[in-house]
Amino acid sequence: MALFALAMFAAGCAADDKPPPPAPDAGPQPKLLSDLSSISDAPINPFAAQPAPARGEGLLHDSSPDAVTAGPRTYQTDPGISRVVGNEANPGTVRLLNSKAAQFGEFSGVILDHIYASLIEAERSEEIARTKLPTDLKPVVITAILNKSGKLTELILEQHSGKARIDQMMLAVCKKSIWYENPPAAAISDDGTYKLTIKLKMENYASSDEHHWSFITDLGLGIS
């Protein structure tokens, strides 16, 4: 399939710790691409000039990829600038990756809200909390495809992080949390589906016992 696909979160809010509401139970289950060995290890270059970007590439360019800017977000004019949604114990930021995601800010925001809540829950699991991440960990990039009803139908792992456990965690998070009732018709792609790009950056933050970690999380969403 073709291309992929801040929410107005309350900073430090306890609601961030709650799992998202269950997705409506309708239709076939999404096709989850979990055989990581079948995916190319070739890195995606987000800055390469391409007349027709390949799947996953076009939404990876942040206006300031290494900087995080806290404070109010102007969706219509500043896609790429981050907004703080975590807290002191679990720093977190979210961002919209392109102008189309900003144009449909409410739609993008609800999806990000679902993903972030599920992601924080996953990060606190025993398996992930005990993970010491490599310093050169790359962002996980996933394309999520939704049908006209807002039901997730397919997940495609576009870029490996370099650690299979994190890739698999994010695929499971997306499978659980990406859905939307009555998505905006104007956001649909030419082939009649909604294509979202989900981009996750993670790094270890703090440990109280040198075994269990909290993480710095940066989550982005784009629409193609």
Protein backbone atom coordinates (compact mmCIF):
# COMPACT_ATOMS: atom_id res chain seq x y z
CA MET A 1 0.00 0.00 0.00
CA ALA A 2 1.01 3.58 -0.43
CA LEU A 3 1.93 6.21 2.18
CA PHE A 4 1.26 6.41 5.81
CA ALA A 5 -0.32 8.11 7.54
CA LEU A 6 -0.99 17.47 19.37
CA ALA A 7 -2.93 17.00 20.57
CA MET A 8 -4.12 19.35 23.24
CA PHE A 9 -2.83 17.28 26.13
CA ALA A 10 -2.87 18.52 29.72
CA ALA A 11 0.76 18.57 30.89
CA GLY A 12 1.41 16.23 33.77
CA CYS A 13 -2.24 15.21 33.87
CA ALA A 14 -3.12 11.97 35.58
CA ALA A 15 -5.28 11.09 32.61
CA ASP A 16 -2.11 10.40 30.64
CA ASP A 17 -1.60 7.32 32.80
CA LYS A 18 -4.94 5.78 31.87
CA PRO A 19 -5.14 3.37 28.95
CA PRO A 20 -7.21 4.58 25.98
CA PRO A 21 -10.83 3.46 25.62
CA PRO A 22 -11.23 0.24 23.66
CA ALA A 23 -11.61 0.57 19.94
CA PRO A 24 -15.00 -0.25 18.47
CA ASP A 25 -15.19 -3.98 17.77
CA ALA A 26 -16.13 -4.08 14.12
CA GLY A 27 -14.72 -5.58 11.00
CA PRO A 28 -11.54 -7.61 10.49
CA GLN A 29 -8.52 -7.22 12.73
CA PRO A 30 -5.64 -5.12 11.37
CA LYS A 31 -2.87 -6.90 9.56
CA LEU A 32 0.09 -6.55 11.93
CA LEU A 33 3.50 -6.69 10.30
CA SER A 34 5.60 -8.25 13.05
CA ASP A 35 8.17 -10.32 11.14
CA LEU A 36 10.99 -7.84 11.56
CA SER A 37 13.41 -9.99 9.57
CA SER A 38 11.33 -9.42 6.45
CA ILE A 39 11.82 -5.66 6.47
CA SER A 40 14.76 -3.90 4.92
CA ASP A 41 17.39 -2.52 7.29
CA ALA A 42 18.12 0.34 4.88
CA PRO A 43 17.69 3.62 6.78
CA ILE A 44 15.20 6.22 5.65
CA ASN A 45 16.79 9.56 4.87
CA PRO A 46 14.21 12.20 5.85
CA PHE A 47 16.18 15.01 4.22
CA ALA A 48 16.68 13.46 0.80
CA ALA A 49 15.11 15.49 -1.97
CA GLN A 50 12.69 13.24 -3.83
CA PRO A 51 10.07 14.30 -6.36
CA ALA A 52 7.74 11.55 -5.13
CA PRO A 53 8.69 10.43 -1.61
CA ALA A 54 8.57 6.74 -0.88
CA ARG A 55 6.34 5.49 1.90
CA GLY A 56 7.38 6.94 5.25
CA GLU A 57 9.85 9.50 3.99
CA GLY A 58 7.88 12.63 3.31
CA LEU A 59 6.75 13.27 6.89
CA LEU A 60 10.00 12.77 8.76
CA HIS A 61 11.44 16.25 8.36
CA ASP A 62 10.96 18.29 11.53
CA SER A 63 11.63 22.01 11.34
CA SER A 64 14.02 21.57 14.25
CA PRO A 65 14.60 17.87 14.74
CA ASP A 66 16.83 18.09 17.79
CA ALA A 67 14.97 20.83 19.62
CA VAL A 68 11.87 20.57 21.78
CA THR A 69 9.88 23.73 22.25
CA ALA A 70 7.41 23.72 25.13
CA GLY A 71 4.38 25.93 25.41
CA PRO A 72 1.21 26.58 23.41
CA ARG A 73 1.06 25.02 19.99
CA THR A 74 -0.03 26.84 16.84
CA TYR A 75 -1.15 23.90 14.74
CA GLN A 76 -1.83 25.80 11.56
CA THR A 77 1.54 27.55 11.35
CA ASP A 78 4.10 25.49 13.26
CA PRO A 79 3.92 21.75 12.53
CA GLY A 80 7.11 20.18 13.86
CA ILE A 81 7.28 22.16 17.10
CA SER A 82 6.77 19.96 20.14
CA ARG A 83 4.41 20.38 23.06
CA VAL A 84 5.16 19.01 26.51
CA VAL A 85 2.67 16.39 27.66
CA GLY A 86 4.68 14.35 30.18
CA ASN A 87 5.80 15.18 33.70
CA GLU A 88 9.01 15.36 35.69
CA ALA A 89 9.12 11.60 36.22
CA ASN A 90 8.21 10.71 32.63
CA PRO A 91 9.12 13.52 30.22
CA GLY A 92 7.02 13.41 27.07
CA THR A 93 6.41 15.56 24.01
CA VAL A 94 4.11 15.29 21.01
CA ARG A 95 4.23 16.97 17.63
CA LEU A 96 2.48 17.12 14.29
CA LEU A 97 4.83 16.22 11.46
CA ASN A 98 3.29 18.04 8.50
CA SER A 99 0.77 20.68 7.46
CA LYS A 100 -2.01 18.19 6.70
CA ALA A 101 -1.82 16.83 10.25
CA ALA A 102 -2.04 20.44 11.47
CA GLN A 103 -4.98 21.17 9.17
CA PHE A 104 -6.90 18.32 10.77
CA GLY A 105 -5.63 19.08 14.27
CA GLU A 106 -8.56 17.60 16.19
CA PHE A 107 -8.36 14.32 14.29
CA SER A 108 -4.58 14.16 14.73
CA GLY A 109 -4.86 15.11 18.38
CA VAL A 110 -7.32 12.37 19.30
CA ILE A 111 -5.15 9.75 17.59
CA LEU A 112 -2.05 11.04 19.37
CA ASP A 113 -3.94 11.01 22.67
CA HIS A 114 -4.84 7.34 22.21
CA ILE A 115 -1.30 6.38 21.22
CA TYR A 116 0.43 8.32 23.99
CA ALA A 117 -1.76 6.87 26.75
CA SER A 118 -1.15 3.35 25.50
CA LEU A 119 2.57 4.02 25.01
CA ILE A 120 3.08 5.21 28.60
CA GLU A 121 1.34 2.08 29.83
CA ALA A 122 3.66 -0.07 27.68
CA GLU A 123 6.79 1.77 28.86
CA ARG A 124 5.91 0.86 32.46
CA SER A 125 5.64 -2.84 31.71
CA GLU A 126 8.33 -5.00 33.28
CA GLU A 127 9.87 -5.95 29.94
CA ILE A 128 10.25 -2.40 28.66
CA ALA A 129 11.05 -0.74 32.01
CA ARG A 130 14.07 -3.03 32.38
CA THR A 131 15.42 -2.08 28.93
CA LYS A 132 18.63 -0.07 28.69
CA LEU A 133 18.43 1.55 25.29
CA PRO A 134 21.47 2.08 23.07
CA THR A 135 22.52 5.70 22.70
CA ASP A 136 22.27 5.46 18.91
CA LEU A 137 18.67 4.24 18.90
CA LYS A 138 16.84 5.51 15.82
CA PRO A 139 13.21 6.64 15.70
CA VAL A 140 10.61 3.96 15.07
CA VAL A 141 8.54 4.92 12.01
CA ILE A 142 5.23 3.17 11.33
CA THR A 143 2.59 3.70 8.67
CA ALA A 144 -0.96 3.08 9.90
CA ILE A 145 -3.78 2.68 7.38
CA LEU A 146 -7.41 3.22 8.38
CA ASN A 147 -10.50 2.55 6.31
CA LYS A 148 -13.24 5.11 5.65
CA SER A 149 -14.89 4.25 8.97
CA GLY A 150 -11.71 4.98 10.93
CA LYS A 151 -10.93 1.31 11.60
CA LEU A 152 -7.25 0.31 11.55
CA THR A 153 -6.60 -2.18 8.76
CA GLU A 154 -2.82 -2.34 8.39
CA LEU A 155 0.44 -1.42 10.13
CA ILE A 156 3.73 -1.18 8.26
CA LEU A 157 7.08 -0.87 10.03
CA GLU A 158 8.92 1.64 7.87
CA GLN A 159 12.06 2.18 9.95
CA HIS A 160 13.66 -0.01 12.60
CA SER A 161 14.79 1.65 15.80
CA GLY A 162 17.71 -0.74 16.02
CA LYS A 163 16.14 -2.65 18.93
CA ALA A 164 13.48 -5.21 18.01
CA ARG A 165 11.82 -5.02 21.45
CA ILE A 166 11.01 -1.34 20.93
CA ASP A 167 9.79 -1.91 17.37
CA GLN A 168 7.47 -4.69 18.54
CA MET A 169 6.25 -2.60 21.49
CA MET A 170 5.30 0.27 19.19
CA LEU A 171 3.54 -1.99 16.71
CA ALA A 172 1.49 -3.44 19.57
CA VAL A 173 0.72 0.06 20.90
CA CYS A 174 -0.47 1.22 17.49
CA LYS A 175 -2.60 -1.89 16.98
CA LYS A 176 -4.30 -1.26 20.32
CA SER A 177 -4.79 2.48 20.14
CA ILE A 178 -5.24 3.74 16.58
CA TRP A 179 -8.91 4.19 15.67
CA TYR A 180 -11.27 7.07 15.13
CA GLU A 181 -15.05 7.29 14.89
CA ASN A 182 -16.31 9.38 11.98
CA PRO A 183 -12.94 10.63 10.65
CA PRO A 184 -13.00 13.84 8.57
CA ALA A 185 -13.78 13.05 4.95
CA ALA A 186 -11.45 15.79 3.69
CA ALA A 187 -8.43 14.07 5.28
CA ILE A 188 -8.83 10.91 3.24
CA SER A 189 -6.15 9.99 0.69
CA ASP A 190 -6.68 9.45 -3.01
CA ASP A 191 -7.16 5.70 -2.62
CA GLY A 192 -9.98 6.12 -0.10
CA THR A 193 -8.02 5.33 3.05
CA TYR A 194 -6.44 7.38 5.84
CA LYS A 195 -2.66 7.08 5.92
CA LEU A 196 -0.88 8.11 9.09
CA THR A 197 2.82 8.20 9.86
CA ILE A 198 3.71 7.55 13.50
CA LYS A 199 7.22 8.45 14.63
CA LEU A 200 8.58 7.56 18.08
CA LYS A 201 11.86 8.66 19.64
CA MET A 202 12.82 7.14 23.01
CA GLU A 203 15.74 7.33 25.39
CA ASN A 204 16.37 6.26 28.97
CA TYR A 205 15.73 9.02 31.49
CA ALA A 206 16.13 7.91 35.12
CA SER A 207 16.34 4.81 37.29
CA SER A 208 15.85 4.52 41.03
CA ASP A 209 17.32 1.03 41.28
CA GLU A 210 19.60 0.79 38.21
CA HIS A 211 17.28 -1.86 36.80
CA HIS A 212 13.95 -0.15 36.06
CA TRP A 213 13.89 2.93 33.85
CA SER A 214 11.62 5.78 32.95
CA PHE A 215 11.97 7.23 29.46
CA ILE A 216 12.04 10.47 27.53
CA THR A 217 9.36 10.06 24.85
CA ASP A 218 8.81 12.12 21.71
CA LEU A 219 5.81 11.10 19.61
CA GLY A 220 4.89 12.54 16.21
CA LEU A 221 2.04 12.07 13.75
CA GLY A 222 1.67 13.01 10.10
CA ILE A 223 -1.07 12.51 7.52
CA SER A 224 -0.52 11.87 3.83
